[in-house]
Amino acid sequence: MFDDVDICVVVEKEVDEKKMPLPLVIHKVQEKSPSDVTSEIDRARAKAASTDSVVLDRKAGAAEKLYYFLFGPLRCLARISH
């Protein structure tokens, strides 16, 4: 059904002087070596994050920004519904 393998790892970033966990999606992992994956994670860790960063390496949409304002249990329900 799916040809590509994508993984999501959480990278701790400092945003507005606060540490925040931000997801990093690495696409087509089946075509990459472990060293390539590690390099992508290292680049994401070194890259600056802003309040617009919900997923590293792309800008957040309105729904994604709203997600972080939800109360914890509501975020869990939002994840389950997808």
N, C-alpha and C. Protein backbone atom coordinates (compact mmCIF):
# COMPACT_ATOMS: atom_id res chain seq x y z
N MET A 1 0.82 -1.18 0.00
CA MET A 1 0.00 0.00 0.00
C MET A 1 0.87 1.26 0.00
N PHE A 2 1.84 1.33 0.90
CA PHE A 2 2.74 2.48 0.97
C PHE A 2 4.12 2.04 0.51
N ASP A 3 4.75 2.86 -0.31
CA ASP A 3 6.07 2.52 -0.81
C ASP A 3 7.19 3.15 0.00
N ASP A 4 6.93 4.28 0.62
CA ASP A 4 7.95 5.00 1.36
C ASP A 4 7.77 4.84 2.86
N VAL A 5 8.90 4.88 3.55
CA VAL A 5 8.90 4.84 5.01
C VAL A 5 9.34 6.21 5.51
N ASP A 6 8.48 6.83 6.29
CA ASP A 6 8.78 8.11 6.93
C ASP A 6 8.82 7.87 8.44
N ILE A 7 9.75 8.50 9.11
CA ILE A 7 9.79 8.40 10.57
C ILE A 7 9.70 9.80 11.16
N CYS A 8 9.24 9.84 12.38
CA CYS A 8 9.13 11.11 13.09
C CYS A 8 9.92 10.96 14.39
N VAL A 9 10.84 11.90 14.60
CA VAL A 9 11.59 11.95 15.85
C VAL A 9 11.36 13.31 16.49
N VAL A 10 11.45 13.36 17.79
CA VAL A 10 11.25 14.62 18.50
C VAL A 10 12.63 15.21 18.81
N VAL A 11 12.78 16.48 18.44
CA VAL A 11 14.03 17.20 18.67
C VAL A 11 13.74 18.34 19.63
N GLU A 12 14.53 18.43 20.68
CA GLU A 12 14.34 19.51 21.65
C GLU A 12 14.99 20.78 21.10
N LYS A 13 14.20 21.84 21.02
CA LYS A 13 14.67 23.13 20.49
C LYS A 13 14.33 24.22 21.48
N GLU A 14 15.09 25.30 21.44
CA GLU A 14 14.78 26.47 22.27
C GLU A 14 14.02 27.48 21.41
N VAL A 15 12.82 27.81 21.88
CA VAL A 15 11.96 28.78 21.20
C VAL A 15 11.57 29.83 22.22
N ASP A 16 11.89 31.07 21.94
CA ASP A 16 11.59 32.16 22.88
C ASP A 16 12.11 31.85 24.28
N GLU A 17 13.35 31.36 24.34
CA GLU A 17 14.04 31.05 25.58
C GLU A 17 13.38 29.93 26.39
N LYS A 18 12.55 29.11 25.74
CA LYS A 18 11.93 27.95 26.39
C LYS A 18 12.27 26.72 25.56
N LYS A 19 12.57 25.62 26.24
CA LYS A 19 12.84 24.37 25.53
C LYS A 19 11.51 23.73 25.16
N MET A 20 11.41 23.34 23.89
CA MET A 20 10.17 22.74 23.39
C MET A 20 10.51 21.50 22.56
N PRO A 21 9.68 20.47 22.67
CA PRO A 21 9.88 19.32 21.78
C PRO A 21 9.20 19.58 20.44
N LEU A 22 9.97 19.49 19.37
CA LEU A 22 9.41 19.69 18.03
C LEU A 22 9.65 18.45 17.19
N PRO A 23 8.63 17.99 16.50
CA PRO A 23 8.80 16.80 15.66
C PRO A 23 9.58 17.12 14.39
N LEU A 24 10.37 16.15 13.97
CA LEU A 24 11.09 16.22 12.71
C LEU A 24 10.68 14.99 11.92
N VAL A 25 10.14 15.19 10.73
CA VAL A 25 9.75 14.08 9.87
C VAL A 25 10.87 13.86 8.87
N ILE A 26 11.36 12.63 8.84
CA ILE A 26 12.40 12.25 7.89
C ILE A 26 11.74 11.34 6.86
N HIS A 27 11.75 11.78 5.61
CA HIS A 27 11.06 11.08 4.54
C HIS A 27 11.98 10.08 3.83
N LYS A 28 11.36 9.04 3.27
CA LYS A 28 12.06 8.02 2.46
C LYS A 28 13.27 7.43 3.18
N VAL A 29 13.05 7.04 4.43
CA VAL A 29 14.13 6.50 5.25
C VAL A 29 14.70 5.22 4.65
N GLN A 30 13.89 4.47 3.93
CA GLN A 30 14.37 3.22 3.35
C GLN A 30 15.48 3.45 2.33
N GLU A 31 15.62 4.66 1.83
CA GLU A 31 16.65 4.99 0.85
C GLU A 31 17.88 5.63 1.49
N LYS A 32 17.90 5.76 2.83
CA LYS A 32 18.98 6.46 3.51
C LYS A 32 19.74 5.52 4.42
N SER A 33 21.01 5.83 4.59
CA SER A 33 21.84 5.07 5.52
C SER A 33 21.60 5.60 6.94
N PRO A 34 21.97 4.83 7.95
CA PRO A 34 21.85 5.35 9.32
C PRO A 34 22.64 6.66 9.49
N SER A 35 23.76 6.76 8.82
CA SER A 35 24.55 7.99 8.89
C SER A 35 23.79 9.17 8.30
N ASP A 36 23.08 8.96 7.18
CA ASP A 36 22.27 10.03 6.57
C ASP A 36 21.17 10.49 7.51
N VAL A 37 20.51 9.54 8.17
CA VAL A 37 19.43 9.88 9.10
C VAL A 37 20.00 10.68 10.27
N THR A 38 21.13 10.23 10.79
CA THR A 38 21.77 10.94 11.90
C THR A 38 22.15 12.36 11.48
N SER A 39 22.63 12.52 10.26
CA SER A 39 23.00 13.85 9.76
C SER A 39 21.78 14.77 9.68
N GLU A 40 20.64 14.23 9.24
CA GLU A 40 19.42 15.04 9.18
C GLU A 40 18.99 15.49 10.57
N ILE A 41 19.10 14.59 11.53
CA ILE A 41 18.74 14.94 12.91
C ILE A 41 19.70 16.01 13.43
N ASP A 42 20.99 15.84 13.18
CA ASP A 42 21.97 16.83 13.64
C ASP A 42 21.72 18.21 13.01
N ARG A 43 21.39 18.24 11.71
CA ARG A 43 21.09 19.52 11.06
C ARG A 43 19.87 20.18 11.69
N ALA A 44 18.85 19.38 12.00
CA ALA A 44 17.64 19.93 12.62
C ALA A 44 17.95 20.47 14.01
N ARG A 45 18.81 19.79 14.74
CA ARG A 45 19.17 20.26 16.08
C ARG A 45 19.93 21.58 16.02
N ALA A 46 20.72 21.77 14.98
CA ALA A 46 21.52 22.98 14.85
C ALA A 46 20.73 24.16 14.28
N LYS A 47 19.64 23.88 13.59
CA LYS A 47 18.86 24.93 12.94
C LYS A 47 18.01 25.68 13.96
N ALA A 48 17.91 26.98 13.76
CA ALA A 48 17.09 27.82 14.66
C ALA A 48 15.61 27.52 14.46
N ALA A 49 14.86 27.56 15.54
CA ALA A 49 13.41 27.35 15.49
C ALA A 49 12.73 28.63 15.93
N SER A 50 11.50 28.83 15.45
CA SER A 50 10.74 30.02 15.83
C SER A 50 9.36 29.59 16.32
N THR A 51 8.56 30.56 16.71
CA THR A 51 7.21 30.24 17.17
C THR A 51 6.35 29.70 16.03
N ASP A 52 6.78 29.88 14.77
CA ASP A 52 6.06 29.30 13.64
C ASP A 52 6.44 27.85 13.39
N SER A 53 7.43 27.33 14.11
CA SER A 53 7.89 25.97 13.89
C SER A 53 7.05 24.99 14.71
N VAL A 54 6.22 24.24 14.04
CA VAL A 54 5.47 23.18 14.71
C VAL A 54 6.10 21.85 14.31
N VAL A 55 6.47 21.75 13.05
CA VAL A 55 7.25 20.62 12.56
C VAL A 55 8.49 21.25 11.95
N LEU A 56 9.65 20.76 12.33
CA LEU A 56 10.88 21.36 11.83
C LEU A 56 10.97 21.25 10.32
N ASP A 57 11.60 22.22 9.71
CA ASP A 57 11.82 22.30 8.26
C ASP A 57 10.59 22.64 7.45
N ARG A 58 9.53 23.13 8.08
CA ARG A 58 8.40 23.67 7.33
C ARG A 58 7.59 24.58 8.23
N LYS A 59 6.85 25.51 7.62
CA LYS A 59 6.03 26.46 8.37
C LYS A 59 4.73 25.80 8.82
N ALA A 60 4.24 26.24 9.93
CA ALA A 60 3.00 25.69 10.49
C ALA A 60 1.78 26.33 9.85
N GLY A 61 0.78 25.51 9.65
CA GLY A 61 -0.52 26.02 9.20
C GLY A 61 -1.33 26.45 10.40
N ALA A 62 -2.48 27.04 10.16
CA ALA A 62 -3.34 27.54 11.25
C ALA A 62 -3.76 26.43 12.20
N ALA A 63 -4.14 25.27 11.65
CA ALA A 63 -4.58 24.15 12.50
C ALA A 63 -3.43 23.64 13.36
N GLU A 64 -2.22 23.62 12.81
CA GLU A 64 -1.08 23.15 13.58
C GLU A 64 -0.75 24.12 14.72
N LYS A 65 -0.86 25.40 14.48
CA LYS A 65 -0.62 26.38 15.54
C LYS A 65 -1.66 26.22 16.65
N LEU A 66 -2.90 26.01 16.27
CA LEU A 66 -3.97 25.83 17.25
C LEU A 66 -3.72 24.60 18.12
N TYR A 67 -3.17 23.56 17.53
CA TYR A 67 -2.90 22.30 18.23
C TYR A 67 -2.12 22.53 19.52
N TYR A 68 -1.11 23.39 19.49
CA TYR A 68 -0.27 23.60 20.67
C TYR A 68 -0.95 24.43 21.75
N PHE A 69 -2.07 25.07 21.43
CA PHE A 69 -2.81 25.80 22.44
C PHE A 69 -3.85 24.92 23.14
N LEU A 70 -4.08 23.73 22.61
CA LEU A 70 -5.06 22.83 23.20
C LEU A 70 -4.55 22.25 24.51
N PHE A 71 -5.46 21.97 25.40
CA PHE A 71 -5.17 21.28 26.65
C PHE A 71 -4.65 19.87 26.31
N GLY A 72 -3.72 19.35 27.08
CA GLY A 72 -3.07 18.06 26.82
C GLY A 72 -3.99 16.92 26.37
N PRO A 73 -5.07 16.59 27.12
CA PRO A 73 -5.95 15.49 26.71
C PRO A 73 -6.61 15.74 25.36
N LEU A 74 -6.90 17.01 25.04
CA LEU A 74 -7.49 17.31 23.73
C LEU A 74 -6.48 17.06 22.62
N ARG A 75 -5.19 17.33 22.89
CA ARG A 75 -4.16 17.03 21.88
C ARG A 75 -4.12 15.53 21.61
N CYS A 76 -4.25 14.73 22.66
CA CYS A 76 -4.26 13.28 22.48
C CYS A 76 -5.43 12.85 21.61
N LEU A 77 -6.60 13.43 21.85
CA LEU A 77 -7.77 13.10 21.02
C LEU A 77 -7.56 13.53 19.58
N ALA A 78 -6.92 14.67 19.39
CA ALA A 78 -6.65 15.15 18.03
C ALA A 78 -5.72 14.19 17.29
N ARG A 79 -4.73 13.63 18.00
CA ARG A 79 -3.80 12.69 17.38
C ARG A 79 -4.51 11.39 17.03
N ILE A 80 -5.38 10.92 17.91
CA ILE A 80 -6.09 9.65 17.69
C ILE A 80 -7.03 9.76 16.51
N SER A 81 -7.64 10.92 16.33
CA SER A 81 -8.64 11.07 15.26
C SER A 81 -8.01 11.10 13.87
N HIS A 82 -6.69 11.26 13.77
CA HIS A 82 -6.03 11.30 12.45
C HIS A 82 -5.58 9.96 12.08
